[in-house]
Amino acid sequence: MGKLTESELVQALKKAAEMREYGQDLDFIAKSLLSLNYRFGVLQKVVAATKIYLHSGQNTAEYSRLIKTLREAERLDDSNHDDSHLGL
C-alpha cells in the first residue's frame, strides 16, 4: 500500500468530518481517522522535540520543551481527555 499524498489526506479528513457531522459514521471509521490523525500530530511534536534536544547538546530550554510535548502525548491516553475540539 502506498503512502497518502497530502491532498488525499486532506480530502479523507474533510470527508471524515462531514460523516461525523451528519451522523453517517455508524462503524466509527471517521471518528477513528480523526482521532488517529490528531494523535499522530501530537506524537510528531514529541519526535521533533526529541531530535532538537539531542542535537542541541541537551540544552535545558530544549529539555523543557521535550518534557512539555511528552506530557501532551501522555494526556492522549487519559481516558477522560476531551475530544470535542475534534468534532468527536
PDB file of N, CA and C in Angstrom:
ATOM      1  N   MET A   1       0.846  -1.173   0.000  1.00  0.00           N
ATOM      2  CA  MET A   1       0.000   0.000   0.000  1.00  0.00           C
ATOM      3  C   MET A   1       0.891   1.234   0.000  1.00  0.00           C
ATOM      4  N   GLY A   2       0.562   2.176  -0.843  1.00  0.00           N
ATOM      5  CA  GLY A   2       1.346   3.400  -0.948  1.00  0.00           C
ATOM      6  C   GLY A   2       0.958   4.426   0.096  1.00  0.00           C
ATOM      7  N   LYS A   3       1.843   5.376   0.296  1.00  0.00           N
ATOM      8  CA  LYS A   3       1.619   6.462   1.242  1.00  0.00           C
ATOM      9  C   LYS A   3       0.615   7.454   0.662  1.00  0.00           C
ATOM     10  N   LEU A   4      -0.240   7.981   1.525  1.00  0.00           N
ATOM     11  CA  LEU A   4      -1.191   9.003   1.105  1.00  0.00           C
ATOM     12  C   LEU A   4      -0.466  10.277   0.716  1.00  0.00           C
ATOM     13  N   THR A   5      -0.975  10.925  -0.314  1.00  0.00           N
ATOM     14  CA  THR A   5      -0.472  12.259  -0.621  1.00  0.00           C
ATOM     15  C   THR A   5      -1.121  13.237   0.357  1.00  0.00           C
ATOM     16  N   GLU A   6      -0.566  14.415   0.441  1.00  0.00           N
ATOM     17  CA  GLU A   6      -1.134  15.438   1.332  1.00  0.00           C
ATOM     18  C   GLU A   6      -2.574  15.759   0.931  1.00  0.00           C
ATOM     19  N   SER A   7      -2.829  15.865  -0.356  1.00  0.00           N
ATOM     20  CA  SER A   7      -4.186  16.197  -0.807  1.00  0.00           C
ATOM     21  C   SER A   7      -5.162  15.054  -0.522  1.00  0.00           C
ATOM     22  N   GLU A   8      -4.703  13.809  -0.625  1.00  0.00           N
ATOM     23  CA  GLU A   8      -5.572  12.675  -0.296  1.00  0.00           C
ATOM     24  C   GLU A   8      -5.925  12.678   1.188  1.00  0.00           C
ATOM     25  N   LEU A   9      -4.947  12.976   2.035  1.00  0.00           N
ATOM     26  CA  LEU A   9      -5.203  13.034   3.476  1.00  0.00           C
ATOM     27  C   LEU A   9      -6.181  14.154   3.805  1.00  0.00           C
ATOM     28  N   VAL A  10      -5.975  15.303   3.221  1.00  0.00           N
ATOM     29  CA  VAL A  10      -6.882  16.432   3.453  1.00  0.00           C
ATOM     30  C   VAL A  10      -8.302  16.060   3.032  1.00  0.00           C
ATOM     31  N   GLN A  11      -8.436  15.424   1.876  1.00  0.00           N
ATOM     32  CA  GLN A  11      -9.758  15.013   1.389  1.00  0.00           C
ATOM     33  C   GLN A  11     -10.393  13.993   2.339  1.00  0.00           C
ATOM     34  N   ALA A  12      -9.606  13.017   2.800  1.00  0.00           N
ATOM     35  CA  ALA A  12     -10.130  11.987   3.706  1.00  0.00           C
ATOM     36  C   ALA A  12     -10.563  12.601   5.033  1.00  0.00           C
ATOM     37  N   LEU A  13      -9.771  13.525   5.566  1.00  0.00           N
ATOM     38  CA  LEU A  13     -10.125  14.171   6.836  1.00  0.00           C
ATOM     39  C   LEU A  13     -11.375  15.037   6.693  1.00  0.00           C
ATOM     40  N   LYS A  14     -11.486  15.709   5.563  1.00  0.00           N
ATOM     41  CA  LYS A  14     -12.684  16.518   5.300  1.00  0.00           C
ATOM     42  C   LYS A  14     -13.923  15.629   5.245  1.00  0.00           C
ATOM     43  N   LYS A  15     -13.815  14.522   4.530  1.00  0.00           N
ATOM     44  CA  LYS A  15     -14.947  13.592   4.420  1.00  0.00           C
ATOM     45  C   LYS A  15     -15.281  12.985   5.781  1.00  0.00           C
ATOM     46  N   ALA A  16     -14.261  12.655   6.572  1.00  0.00           N
ATOM     47  CA  ALA A  16     -14.493  12.100   7.910  1.00  0.00           C
ATOM     48  C   ALA A  16     -15.249  13.102   8.780  1.00  0.00           C
ATOM     49  N   ALA A  17     -14.850  14.364   8.706  1.00  0.00           N
ATOM     50  CA  ALA A  17     -15.545  15.400   9.489  1.00  0.00           C
ATOM     51  C   ALA A  17     -16.999  15.520   9.036  1.00  0.00           C
ATOM     52  N   GLU A  18     -17.237  15.455   7.735  1.00  0.00           N
ATOM     53  CA  GLU A  18     -18.608  15.503   7.225  1.00  0.00           C
ATOM     54  C   GLU A  18     -19.417  14.308   7.710  1.00  0.00           C
ATOM     55  N   MET A  19     -18.816  13.128   7.661  1.00  0.00           N
ATOM     56  CA  MET A  19     -19.511  11.921   8.119  1.00  0.00           C
ATOM     57  C   MET A  19     -19.923  12.060   9.579  1.00  0.00           C
ATOM     58  N   ARG A  20     -19.046  12.591  10.406  1.00  0.00           N
ATOM     59  CA  ARG A  20     -19.360  12.769  11.827  1.00  0.00           C
ATOM     60  C   ARG A  20     -20.466  13.809  11.996  1.00  0.00           C
ATOM     61  N   GLU A  21     -20.353  14.895  11.244  1.00  0.00           N
ATOM     62  CA  GLU A  21     -21.328  15.982  11.351  1.00  0.00           C
ATOM     63  C   GLU A  21     -22.740  15.529  10.986  1.00  0.00           C
ATOM     64  N   TYR A  22     -22.838  14.666   9.989  1.00  0.00           N
ATOM     65  CA  TYR A  22     -24.151  14.221   9.510  1.00  0.00           C
ATOM     66  C   TYR A  22     -24.579  12.866  10.070  1.00  0.00           C
ATOM     67  N   GLY A  23     -23.860  12.361  11.070  1.00  0.00           N
ATOM     68  CA  GLY A  23     -24.247  11.109  11.713  1.00  0.00           C
ATOM     69  C   GLY A  23     -24.155   9.896  10.807  1.00  0.00           C
ATOM     70  N   GLN A  24     -23.209   9.912   9.882  1.00  0.00           N
ATOM     71  CA  GLN A  24     -23.057   8.817   8.927  1.00  0.00           C
ATOM     72  C   GLN A  24     -21.840   7.940   9.255  1.00  0.00           C
ATOM     73  N   ASP A  25     -21.500   7.842  10.521  1.00  0.00           N
ATOM     74  CA  ASP A  25     -20.293   7.114  10.928  1.00  0.00           C
ATOM     75  C   ASP A  25     -20.663   5.968  11.869  1.00  0.00           C
ATOM     76  N   LEU A  26     -21.517   5.076  11.379  1.00  0.00           N
ATOM     77  CA  LEU A  26     -22.053   4.011  12.218  1.00  0.00           C
ATOM     78  C   LEU A  26     -20.972   3.066  12.750  1.00  0.00           C
ATOM     79  N   ASP A  27     -19.900   2.867  12.007  1.00  0.00           N
ATOM     80  CA  ASP A  27     -18.838   1.952  12.435  1.00  0.00           C
ATOM     81  C   ASP A  27     -17.634   2.682  13.022  1.00  0.00           C
ATOM     82  N   PHE A  28     -17.742   3.984  13.229  1.00  0.00           N
ATOM     83  CA  PHE A  28     -16.717   4.814  13.863  1.00  0.00           C
ATOM     84  C   PHE A  28     -15.417   4.889  13.068  1.00  0.00           C
ATOM     85  N   ILE A  29     -15.517   4.709  11.773  1.00  0.00           N
ATOM     86  CA  ILE A  29     -14.323   4.805  10.933  1.00  0.00           C
ATOM     87  C   ILE A  29     -13.853   6.260  10.849  1.00  0.00           C
ATOM     88  N   ALA A  30     -14.769   7.168  10.640  1.00  0.00           N
ATOM     89  CA  ALA A  30     -14.413   8.583  10.556  1.00  0.00           C
ATOM     90  C   ALA A  30     -13.856   9.068  11.891  1.00  0.00           C
ATOM     91  N   LYS A  31     -14.494   8.684  12.981  1.00  0.00           N
ATOM     92  CA  LYS A  31     -14.014   9.074  14.305  1.00  0.00           C
ATOM     93  C   LYS A  31     -12.604   8.545  14.532  1.00  0.00           C
ATOM     94  N   SER A  32     -12.363   7.325  14.114  1.00  0.00           N
ATOM     95  CA  SER A  32     -11.039   6.721  14.266  1.00  0.00           C
ATOM     96  C   SER A  32      -9.990   7.487  13.473  1.00  0.00           C
ATOM     97  N   LEU A  33     -10.311   7.823  12.224  1.00  0.00           N
ATOM     98  CA  LEU A  33      -9.372   8.566  11.394  1.00  0.00           C
ATOM     99  C   LEU A  33      -9.048   9.921  12.002  1.00  0.00           C
ATOM    100  N   LEU A  34     -10.066  10.642  12.423  1.00  0.00           N
ATOM    101  CA  LEU A  34      -9.840  11.962  13.019  1.00  0.00           C
ATOM    102  C   LEU A  34      -9.014  11.859  14.299  1.00  0.00           C
ATOM    103  N   SER A  35      -9.330  10.897  15.130  1.00  0.00           N
ATOM    104  CA  SER A  35      -8.610  10.714  16.380  1.00  0.00           C
ATOM    105  C   SER A  35      -7.148  10.324  16.131  1.00  0.00           C
ATOM    106  N   LEU A  36      -6.942   9.362  15.239  1.00  0.00           N
ATOM    107  CA  LEU A  36      -5.581   8.918  14.956  1.00  0.00           C
ATOM    108  C   LEU A  36      -4.752  10.024  14.302  1.00  0.00           C
ATOM    109  N   ASN A  37      -5.370  10.819  13.451  1.00  0.00           N
ATOM    110  CA  ASN A  37      -4.650  11.929  12.837  1.00  0.00           C
ATOM    111  C   ASN A  37      -4.215  12.939  13.896  1.00  0.00           C
ATOM    112  N   TYR A  38      -5.092  13.232  14.846  1.00  0.00           N
ATOM    113  CA  TYR A  38      -4.744  14.151  15.932  1.00  0.00           C
ATOM    114  C   TYR A  38      -3.601  13.576  16.777  1.00  0.00           C
ATOM    115  N   ARG A  39      -3.722  12.314  17.147  1.00  0.00           N
ATOM    116  CA  ARG A  39      -2.690  11.662  17.968  1.00  0.00           C
ATOM    117  C   ARG A  39      -1.348  11.638  17.235  1.00  0.00           C
ATOM    118  N   PHE A  40      -1.386  11.369  15.937  1.00  0.00           N
ATOM    119  CA  PHE A  40      -0.168  11.341  15.142  1.00  0.00           C
ATOM    120  C   PHE A  40       0.519  12.706  15.162  1.00  0.00           C
ATOM    121  N   GLY A  41      -0.256  13.764  15.061  1.00  0.00           N
ATOM    122  CA  GLY A  41       0.308  15.116  15.105  1.00  0.00           C
ATOM    123  C   GLY A  41       1.002  15.408  16.424  1.00  0.00           C
ATOM    124  N   VAL A  42       0.384  14.984  17.515  1.00  0.00           N
ATOM    125  CA  VAL A  42       0.991  15.190  18.835  1.00  0.00           C
ATOM    126  C   VAL A  42       2.288  14.397  18.938  1.00  0.00           C
ATOM    127  N   LEU A  43       2.272  13.164  18.483  1.00  0.00           N
ATOM    128  CA  LEU A  43       3.480  12.337  18.554  1.00  0.00           C
ATOM    129  C   LEU A  43       4.579  12.853  17.632  1.00  0.00           C
ATOM    130  N   GLN A  44       4.224  13.461  16.521  1.00  0.00           N
ATOM    131  CA  GLN A  44       5.225  14.082  15.658  1.00  0.00           C
ATOM    132  C   GLN A  44       5.932  15.221  16.388  1.00  0.00           C
ATOM    133  N   LYS A  45       5.192  15.947  17.220  1.00  0.00           N
ATOM    134  CA  LYS A  45       5.807  17.017  18.017  1.00  0.00           C
ATOM    135  C   LYS A  45       6.829  16.453  18.997  1.00  0.00           C
ATOM    136  N   VAL A  46       6.516  15.294  19.579  1.00  0.00           N
ATOM    137  CA  VAL A  46       7.444  14.646  20.512  1.00  0.00           C
ATOM    138  C   VAL A  46       8.729  14.261  19.781  1.00  0.00           C
ATOM    139  N   VAL A  47       8.589  13.673  18.605  1.00  0.00           N
ATOM    140  CA  VAL A  47       9.765  13.274  17.827  1.00  0.00           C
ATOM    141  C   VAL A  47      10.605  14.504  17.471  1.00  0.00           C
ATOM    142  N   ALA A  48       9.957  15.556  17.012  1.00  0.00           N
ATOM    143  CA  ALA A  48      10.682  16.773  16.644  1.00  0.00           C
ATOM    144  C   ALA A  48      11.404  17.372  17.852  1.00  0.00           C
ATOM    145  N   ALA A  49      10.709  17.435  19.000  1.00  0.00           N
ATOM    146  CA  ALA A  49      11.323  17.994  20.210  1.00  0.00           C
ATOM    147  C   ALA A  49      12.496  17.136  20.681  1.00  0.00           C
ATOM    148  N   THR A  50      12.373  15.827  20.530  1.00  0.00           N
ATOM    149  CA  THR A  50      13.459  14.919  20.910  1.00  0.00           C
ATOM    150  C   THR A  50      14.681  15.142  20.035  1.00  0.00           C
ATOM    151  N   LYS A  51      14.464  15.243  18.731  1.00  0.00           N
ATOM    152  CA  LYS A  51      15.579  15.472  17.811  1.00  0.00           C
ATOM    153  C   LYS A  51      16.287  16.788  18.127  1.00  0.00           C
ATOM    154  N   ILE A  52      15.516  17.835  18.342  1.00  0.00           N
ATOM    155  CA  ILE A  52      16.112  19.134  18.655  1.00  0.00           C
ATOM    156  C   ILE A  52      16.905  19.058  19.958  1.00  0.00           C
ATOM    157  N   TYR A  53      16.325  18.433  20.965  1.00  0.00           N
ATOM    158  CA  TYR A  53      17.005  18.290  22.257  1.00  0.00           C
ATOM    159  C   TYR A  53      18.322  17.546  22.102  1.00  0.00           C
ATOM    160  N   LEU A  54      18.314  16.443  21.392  1.00  0.00           N
ATOM    161  CA  LEU A  54      19.526  15.638  21.227  1.00  0.00           C
ATOM    162  C   LEU A  54      20.599  16.361  20.416  1.00  0.00           C
ATOM    163  N   HIS A  55      20.171  17.168  19.445  1.00  0.00           N
ATOM    164  CA  HIS A  55      21.130  17.892  18.610  1.00  0.00           C
ATOM    165  C   HIS A  55      21.559  19.224  19.216  1.00  0.00           C
ATOM    166  N   SER A  56      20.929  19.632  20.305  1.00  0.00           N
ATOM    167  CA  SER A  56      21.263  20.923  20.924  1.00  0.00           C
ATOM    168  C   SER A  56      22.287  20.772  22.044  1.00  0.00           C
ATOM    169  N   GLY A  57      22.827  19.575  22.189  1.00  0.00           N
ATOM    170  CA  GLY A  57      23.748  19.357  23.300  1.00  0.00           C
ATOM    171  C   GLY A  57      23.006  19.250  24.613  1.00  0.00           C
ATOM    172  N   GLN A  58      21.770  18.799  24.543  1.00  0.00           N
ATOM    173  CA  GLN A  58      20.906  18.605  25.705  1.00  0.00           C
ATOM    174  C   GLN A  58      20.695  19.912  26.488  1.00  0.00           C
ATOM    175  N   ASN A  59      20.391  20.947  25.736  1.00  0.00           N
ATOM    176  CA  ASN A  59      20.091  22.278  26.267  1.00  0.00           C
ATOM    177  C   ASN A  59      18.893  22.220  27.211  1.00  0.00           C
ATOM    178  N   THR A  60      18.938  22.970  28.307  1.00  0.00           N
ATOM    179  CA  THR A  60      17.861  22.911  29.308  1.00  0.00           C
ATOM    180  C   THR A  60      16.536  23.452  28.778  1.00  0.00           C
ATOM    181  N   ALA A  61      16.582  24.472  27.931  1.00  0.00           N
ATOM    182  CA  ALA A  61      15.333  25.004  27.360  1.00  0.00           C
ATOM    183  C   ALA A  61      14.688  23.952  26.455  1.00  0.00           C
ATOM    184  N   GLU A  62      15.522  23.268  25.671  1.00  0.00           N
ATOM    185  CA  GLU A  62      15.001  22.226  24.795  1.00  0.00           C
ATOM    186  C   GLU A  62      14.500  21.032  25.610  1.00  0.00           C
ATOM    187  N   TYR A  63      15.135  20.774  26.735  1.00  0.00           N
ATOM    188  CA  TYR A  63      14.665  19.711  27.639  1.00  0.00           C
ATOM    189  C   TYR A  63      13.255  20.039  28.139  1.00  0.00           C
ATOM    190  N   SER A  64      13.038  21.289  28.513  1.00  0.00           N
ATOM    191  CA  SER A  64      11.713  21.713  28.987  1.00  0.00           C
ATOM    192  C   SER A  64      10.660  21.545  27.893  1.00  0.00           C
ATOM    193  N   ARG A  65      11.016  21.906  26.659  1.00  0.00           N
ATOM    194  CA  ARG A  65      10.081  21.732  25.542  1.00  0.00           C
ATOM    195  C   ARG A  65       9.781  20.251  25.314  1.00  0.00           C
ATOM    196  N   LEU A  66      10.793  19.424  25.421  1.00  0.00           N
ATOM    197  CA  LEU A  66      10.609  17.985  25.251  1.00  0.00           C
ATOM    198  C   LEU A  66       9.667  17.427  26.310  1.00  0.00           C
ATOM    199  N   ILE A  67       9.867  17.805  27.554  1.00  0.00           N
ATOM    200  CA  ILE A  67       9.002  17.346  28.643  1.00  0.00           C
ATOM    201  C   ILE A  67       7.563  17.803  28.399  1.00  0.00           C
ATOM    202  N   LYS A  68       7.397  19.033  27.936  1.00  0.00           N
ATOM    203  CA  LYS A  68       6.053  19.557  27.651  1.00  0.00           C
ATOM    204  C   LYS A  68       5.357  18.720  26.582  1.00  0.00           C
ATOM    205  N   THR A  69       6.069  18.380  25.519  1.00  0.00           N
ATOM    206  CA  THR A  69       5.442  17.580  24.457  1.00  0.00           C
ATOM    207  C   THR A  69       5.164  16.155  24.923  1.00  0.00           C
ATOM    208  N   LEU A  70       6.040  15.623  25.764  1.00  0.00           N
ATOM    209  CA  LEU A  70       5.791  14.286  26.312  1.00  0.00           C
ATOM    210  C   LEU A  70       4.538  14.279  27.184  1.00  0.00           C
ATOM    211  N   ARG A  71       4.360  15.307  27.976  1.00  0.00           N
ATOM    212  CA  ARG A  71       3.150  15.394  28.817  1.00  0.00           C
ATOM    213  C   ARG A  71       1.893  15.498  27.965  1.00  0.00           C
ATOM    214  N   GLU A  72       1.990  16.262  26.878  1.00  0.00           N
ATOM    215  CA  GLU A  72       0.844  16.371  25.965  1.00  0.00           C
ATOM    216  C   GLU A  72       0.509  14.998  25.377  1.00  0.00           C
ATOM    217  N   ALA A  73       1.531  14.239  25.000  1.00  0.00           N
ATOM    218  CA  ALA A  73       1.320  12.893  24.460  1.00  0.00           C
ATOM    219  C   ALA A  73       0.742  11.960  25.518  1.00  0.00           C
ATOM    220  N   GLU A  74       1.203  12.079  26.742  1.00  0.00           N
ATOM    221  CA  GLU A  74       0.674  11.238  27.817  1.00  0.00           C
ATOM    222  C   GLU A  74      -0.804  11.512  28.058  1.00  0.00           C
ATOM    223  N   ARG A  75      -1.215  12.765  27.892  1.00  0.00           N
ATOM    224  CA  ARG A  75      -2.627  13.111  28.081  1.00  0.00           C
ATOM    225  C   ARG A  75      -3.517  12.448  27.031  1.00  0.00           C
ATOM    226  N   LEU A  76      -2.939  12.056  25.899  1.00  0.00           N
ATOM    227  CA  LEU A  76      -3.722  11.361  24.870  1.00  0.00           C
ATOM    228  C   LEU A  76      -4.307  10.066  25.404  1.00  0.00           C
ATOM    229  N   ASP A  77      -3.603   9.426  26.306  1.00  0.00           N
ATOM    230  CA  ASP A  77      -4.057   8.147  26.843  1.00  0.00           C
ATOM    231  C   ASP A  77      -4.941   8.296  28.066  1.00  0.00           C
ATOM    232  N   ASP A  78      -5.141   9.537  28.503  1.00  0.00           N
ATOM    233  CA  ASP A  78      -6.037   9.791  29.627  1.00  0.00           C
ATOM    234  C   ASP A  78      -7.466   9.552  29.155  1.00  0.00           C
ATOM    235  N   SER A  79      -8.129   8.582  29.743  1.00  0.00           N
ATOM    236  CA  SER A  79      -9.477   8.220  29.285  1.00  0.00           C
ATOM    237  C   SER A  79     -10.478   9.351  29.465  1.00  0.00           C
ATOM    238  N   ASN A  80     -10.112  10.372  30.199  1.00  0.00           N
ATOM    239  CA  ASN A  80     -11.029  11.485  30.436  1.00  0.00           C
ATOM    240  C   ASN A  80     -10.736  12.686  29.546  1.00  0.00           C
ATOM    241  N   HIS A  81      -9.799  12.563  28.586  1.00  0.00           N
ATOM    242  CA  HIS A  81      -9.473  13.749  27.803  1.00  0.00           C
ATOM    243  C   HIS A  81     -10.629  14.118  26.877  1.00  0.00           C
ATOM    244  N   ASP A  82     -10.681  15.390  26.546  1.00  0.00           N
ATOM    245  CA  ASP A  82     -11.803  15.960  25.783  1.00  0.00           C
ATOM    246  C   ASP A  82     -11.498  15.953  24.290  1.00  0.00           C
ATOM    247  N   ASP A  83     -12.328  15.238  23.520  1.00  0.00           N
ATOM    248  CA  ASP A  83     -12.174  15.172  22.075  1.00  0.00           C
ATOM    249  C   ASP A  83     -13.092  16.152  21.357  1.00  0.00           C
ATOM    250  N   SER A  84     -13.753  17.041  22.067  1.00  0.00           N
ATOM    251  CA  SER A  84     -14.756  17.890  21.442  1.00  0.00           C
ATOM    252  C   SER A  84     -14.159  18.800  20.362  1.00  0.00           C
ATOM    253  N   HIS A  85     -12.889  19.185  20.523  1.00  0.00           N
ATOM    254  CA  HIS A  85     -12.275  20.043  19.531  1.00  0.00           C
ATOM    255  C   HIS A  85     -12.035  19.305  18.212  1.00  0.00           C
ATOM    256  N   LEU A  86     -12.174  17.984  18.215  1.00  0.00           N
ATOM    257  CA  LEU A  86     -12.013  17.195  17.000  1.00  0.00           C
ATOM    258  C   LEU A  86     -13.339  16.965  16.294  1.00  0.00           C
ATOM    259  N   GLY A  87     -14.407  17.417  16.861  1.00  0.00           N
ATOM    260  CA  GLY A  87     -15.723  17.142  16.301  1.00  0.00           C
ATOM    261  C   GLY A  87     -16.177  15.724  16.618  1.00  0.00           C
ATOM    262  N   LEU A  88     -15.584  15.137  17.671  1.00  0.00           N
ATOM    263  CA  LEU A  88     -15.910  13.771  18.023  1.00  0.00           C
ATOM    264  C   LEU A  88     -16.921  13.776  19.144  1.00  0.00           C
TER     265      LEU A  88
END
